Every structure is written in C-alpha cells, then in structure tokens.
C-alpha cells in the first residue's frame, strides 16, 4: 500500500529541486530556457559557429550543443530522430529496448537507459535528449542521471517538458 501511495505521489508532483535556467547564445540569437537542478558550469564555448555548454549537479549532467547539422534533411522531427537513432544504436551500453521518443513543442524528446560495467564496476544511467532545429543549426540538449532513482526519472521528464526555445531580439 505504501509503495502505491509513493508511486502516485511521484507521478503527480513537480520536482521541487528545480530552478529556472537560461542558456543564451547571442551569436545564434537563441536562448534556451528550462527548469533544472542548480548547475555548476564546467565549460561553455562558441567557436567556428558551434556552441557547447557542459554543466553538472552531483550525479546530474547537462550539455547543450548548437552546431551545423550532420543529418541531411533534418528539417523535420522525424528525419532528425531517425538520424539520431542511427547514431545512438552504435553507442556502447545503450539499452536499445529502452529507447522512447515523442514530439514536444520544442522538438523531439528521446529517453533511454545505458547499463554496463566500466573499470570492473556496474553502472546505470538514464538519459534524455531534446533534438531541435534553430535556423540552419541543429540543437541537442542532453541530460543524464547516474544511478537514477524514481525522482530522478521524473525530474528528467519534467526538465524536457519545461524547455522553451526563444529568439533573442536583434
């Protein structure tokens, strides 16, 4: 009975450990808004028309890439997803049976698990990617949680749902 109540509570509550985050890319006239755990910026770079951001908060990692597309014809969500899926299937430890995708207002949301053993230790990691297009550039907001618990999974879904892409005024 208690497990059922906990599951219902998790399903209908919003993570209280999230705060508004804005990553601005003036060179691309783009701001990416979302709710996430307080991030510590590890790296941010804009060079040769490519933007990258890396941040983390404990076992939570986040990256954002906005760069020329490597997928021909990725103007549609379907093509963008198929191209990403082709690459994802070649990544070691990805549990292909766990890959799930759906369209959300900001683009294509892809969620999946990675499991395996590194340096003799087992690991499990839950991933979420939001694939989007901005002008002629492809974007990928990636978030992952190491050793995920139920609240972490809920948090990643809420993060992806909260993403808003905004054009910066010229």
Protein backbone atom coordinates (compact mmCIF):
# COMPACT_ATOMS: atom_id res chain seq x y z
CA UNK A 1 0.00 0.00 0.00
CA UNK A 2 2.77 2.45 0.90
CA UNK A 3 4.60 1.78 -2.37
CA UNK A 4 1.40 2.52 -4.31
CA UNK A 5 0.95 5.82 -2.47
CA UNK A 6 4.59 6.78 -3.08
CA UNK A 7 4.24 5.98 -6.79
CA UNK A 8 1.07 8.07 -7.03
CA UNK A 9 2.76 10.93 -5.18
CA UNK A 10 5.75 10.87 -7.55
CA UNK A 11 3.51 10.74 -10.59
CA UNK A 12 1.54 13.86 -9.68
CA UNK A 13 4.08 16.13 -8.03
CA UNK A 14 6.53 18.53 -9.59
CA UNK A 15 10.18 18.23 -8.61
CA UNK A 16 10.83 20.93 -6.01
CA UNK A 17 14.58 20.84 -6.54
CA UNK A 18 14.45 22.55 -9.95
CA UNK A 19 15.11 26.19 -10.74
CA UNK A 20 14.80 28.22 -13.95
CA UNK A 21 17.92 28.08 -16.12
CA UNK A 22 18.62 30.16 -19.23
CA UNK A 23 21.46 29.41 -21.62
CA UNK A 24 21.88 32.33 -24.01
CA UNK A 25 23.74 32.11 -27.28
CA UNK A 26 23.87 35.69 -28.58
CA UNK A 27 25.77 34.67 -31.72
CA UNK A 28 22.85 32.43 -32.67
CA UNK A 29 20.18 34.83 -31.35
CA UNK A 30 18.88 31.97 -29.20
CA UNK A 31 18.02 31.49 -25.54
CA UNK A 32 17.20 28.03 -24.21
CA UNK A 33 15.01 28.13 -21.07
CA UNK A 34 14.32 25.11 -18.85
CA UNK A 35 13.95 24.02 -15.23
CA UNK A 36 16.86 22.05 -13.77
CA UNK A 37 18.81 21.45 -10.62
CA UNK A 38 21.22 24.28 -9.82
CA UNK A 39 24.06 23.72 -12.29
CA UNK A 40 27.74 24.28 -11.91
CA UNK A 41 29.11 25.35 -15.29
CA UNK A 42 32.00 23.12 -16.31
CA UNK A 43 32.60 24.59 -19.76
CA UNK A 44 30.96 26.93 -22.27
CA UNK A 45 32.35 27.64 -25.72
CA UNK A 46 31.39 29.27 -29.01
CA UNK A 47 33.85 28.73 -31.83
CA UNK A 48 33.54 28.39 -35.60
CA UNK A 49 29.73 28.56 -35.47
CA UNK A 50 29.50 25.80 -32.85
CA UNK A 51 28.16 26.32 -29.33
CA UNK A 52 28.70 23.92 -26.44
CA UNK A 53 27.80 24.03 -22.77
CA UNK A 54 28.59 21.45 -20.09
CA UNK A 55 27.30 21.61 -16.54
CA UNK A 56 26.57 19.31 -13.64
CA UNK A 57 24.97 18.99 -10.23
CA UNK A 58 26.15 15.89 -8.43
CA UNK A 59 25.04 12.81 -10.38
CA UNK A 60 23.14 15.02 -12.87
CA UNK A 61 24.91 16.17 -16.05
CA UNK A 62 23.68 18.51 -18.76
CA UNK A 63 25.07 19.54 -22.12
CA UNK A 64 23.82 21.72 -24.94
CA UNK A 65 25.18 21.71 -28.46
CA UNK A 66 24.06 24.00 -31.30
CA UNK A 67 26.01 23.44 -34.48
CA UNK A 68 25.71 22.74 -38.19
CA UNK A 69 23.64 19.62 -38.73
CA UNK A 70 25.30 16.33 -39.58
CA UNK A 71 21.98 14.90 -40.78
CA UNK A 72 20.80 15.62 -44.27
CA UNK A 73 17.24 16.93 -44.42
CA UNK A 74 16.75 17.27 -40.67
CA UNK A 75 14.14 20.00 -41.06
CA UNK A 76 11.51 17.54 -39.83
CA UNK A 77 11.37 15.93 -36.39
CA UNK A 78 11.04 12.50 -37.99
CA UNK A 79 14.26 12.82 -40.00
CA UNK A 80 16.07 14.35 -37.03
CA UNK A 81 15.02 11.43 -34.81
CA UNK A 82 15.93 8.74 -37.34
CA UNK A 83 19.38 10.25 -37.81
CA UNK A 84 19.94 10.43 -34.03
CA UNK A 85 18.64 6.89 -33.56
CA UNK A 86 21.09 5.57 -36.15
CA UNK A 87 23.98 7.14 -34.18
CA UNK A 88 22.58 6.11 -30.78
CA UNK A 89 22.40 2.44 -31.75
CA UNK A 90 26.19 2.44 -32.23
CA UNK A 91 26.90 3.79 -28.71
CA UNK A 92 28.19 1.13 -26.31
CA UNK A 93 25.99 0.31 -23.30
CA UNK A 94 22.80 1.85 -24.76
CA UNK A 95 19.89 -0.44 -23.96
CA UNK A 96 18.16 -0.21 -27.34
CA UNK A 97 14.93 -1.72 -25.98
CA UNK A 98 14.54 1.28 -23.64
CA UNK A 99 14.67 3.99 -26.32
CA UNK A 100 11.49 6.06 -26.38
CA UNK A 101 10.79 9.19 -28.40
CA UNK A 102 7.97 11.67 -28.78
CA UNK A 103 7.42 15.14 -30.15
CA UNK A 104 7.08 18.01 -27.73
CA UNK A 105 6.68 21.70 -28.59
CA UNK A 106 10.45 22.34 -28.57
CA UNK A 107 11.42 19.34 -30.76
CA UNK A 108 11.91 15.59 -30.37
CA UNK A 109 12.42 14.15 -26.89
CA UNK A 110 14.40 10.89 -26.73
CA UNK A 111 14.82 8.95 -23.46
CA UNK A 112 16.88 5.79 -22.89
CA UNK A 113 18.97 3.81 -20.41
CA UNK A 114 22.61 2.86 -20.50
CA UNK A 115 23.88 -0.07 -18.44
CA UNK A 116 27.14 -1.89 -18.26
CA UNK A 117 30.42 -2.24 -16.50
CA UNK A 118 33.28 0.25 -16.52
CA UNK A 119 36.59 -0.45 -14.83
CA UNK A 120 35.05 -3.51 -13.19
CA UNK A 121 32.09 -1.63 -11.71
CA UNK A 122 28.48 -1.87 -12.87
CA UNK A 123 26.71 1.36 -13.75
CA UNK A 124 23.26 2.50 -14.81
CA UNK A 125 22.47 5.89 -16.34
CA UNK A 126 19.20 7.43 -17.54
CA UNK A 127 19.44 9.85 -20.49
CA UNK A 128 17.21 12.41 -22.12
CA UNK A 129 17.92 14.32 -25.33
CA UNK A 130 15.90 17.11 -26.84
CA UNK A 131 16.68 17.41 -30.53
CA UNK A 132 15.68 20.69 -32.15
CA UNK A 133 16.44 22.97 -35.04
CA UNK A 134 17.27 26.66 -34.86
CA UNK A 135 17.66 28.33 -38.24
CA UNK A 136 20.11 26.19 -40.15
CA UNK A 137 21.63 24.72 -36.99
CA UNK A 138 20.85 21.51 -35.14
CA UNK A 139 20.47 21.56 -31.37
CA UNK A 140 20.79 18.82 -28.78
CA UNK A 141 20.02 19.43 -25.11
CA UNK A 142 21.24 16.32 -23.30
CA UNK A 143 20.69 15.46 -19.66
CA UNK A 144 21.66 12.33 -17.75
CA UNK A 145 21.49 10.96 -14.24
CA UNK A 146 23.88 8.32 -12.89
CA UNK A 147 22.33 5.61 -10.69
CA UNK A 148 18.82 7.01 -11.24
CA UNK A 149 16.06 6.73 -8.69
CA UNK A 150 12.34 7.32 -9.37
CA UNK A 151 12.54 11.08 -8.56
CA UNK A 152 15.48 11.43 -10.98
CA UNK A 153 13.49 9.92 -13.83
CA UNK A 154 10.57 12.22 -13.05
CA UNK A 155 12.96 15.15 -12.93
CA UNK A 156 14.36 14.43 -16.42
CA UNK A 157 10.88 14.19 -17.90
CA UNK A 158 9.91 17.48 -16.22
CA UNK A 159 13.12 19.14 -17.45
CA UNK A 160 12.44 18.16 -21.08
CA UNK A 161 8.81 19.27 -20.82
CA UNK A 162 9.91 22.68 -19.49
CA UNK A 163 12.23 23.54 -22.40
CA UNK A 164 11.40 26.69 -24.35
CA UNK A 165 13.45 27.99 -27.26
CA UNK A 166 13.30 31.76 -27.63
CA UNK A 167 14.71 34.01 -30.31
CA UNK A 168 16.74 36.86 -28.86
CA UNK A 169 15.79 40.31 -30.10
CA UNK A 170 18.12 41.63 -32.76
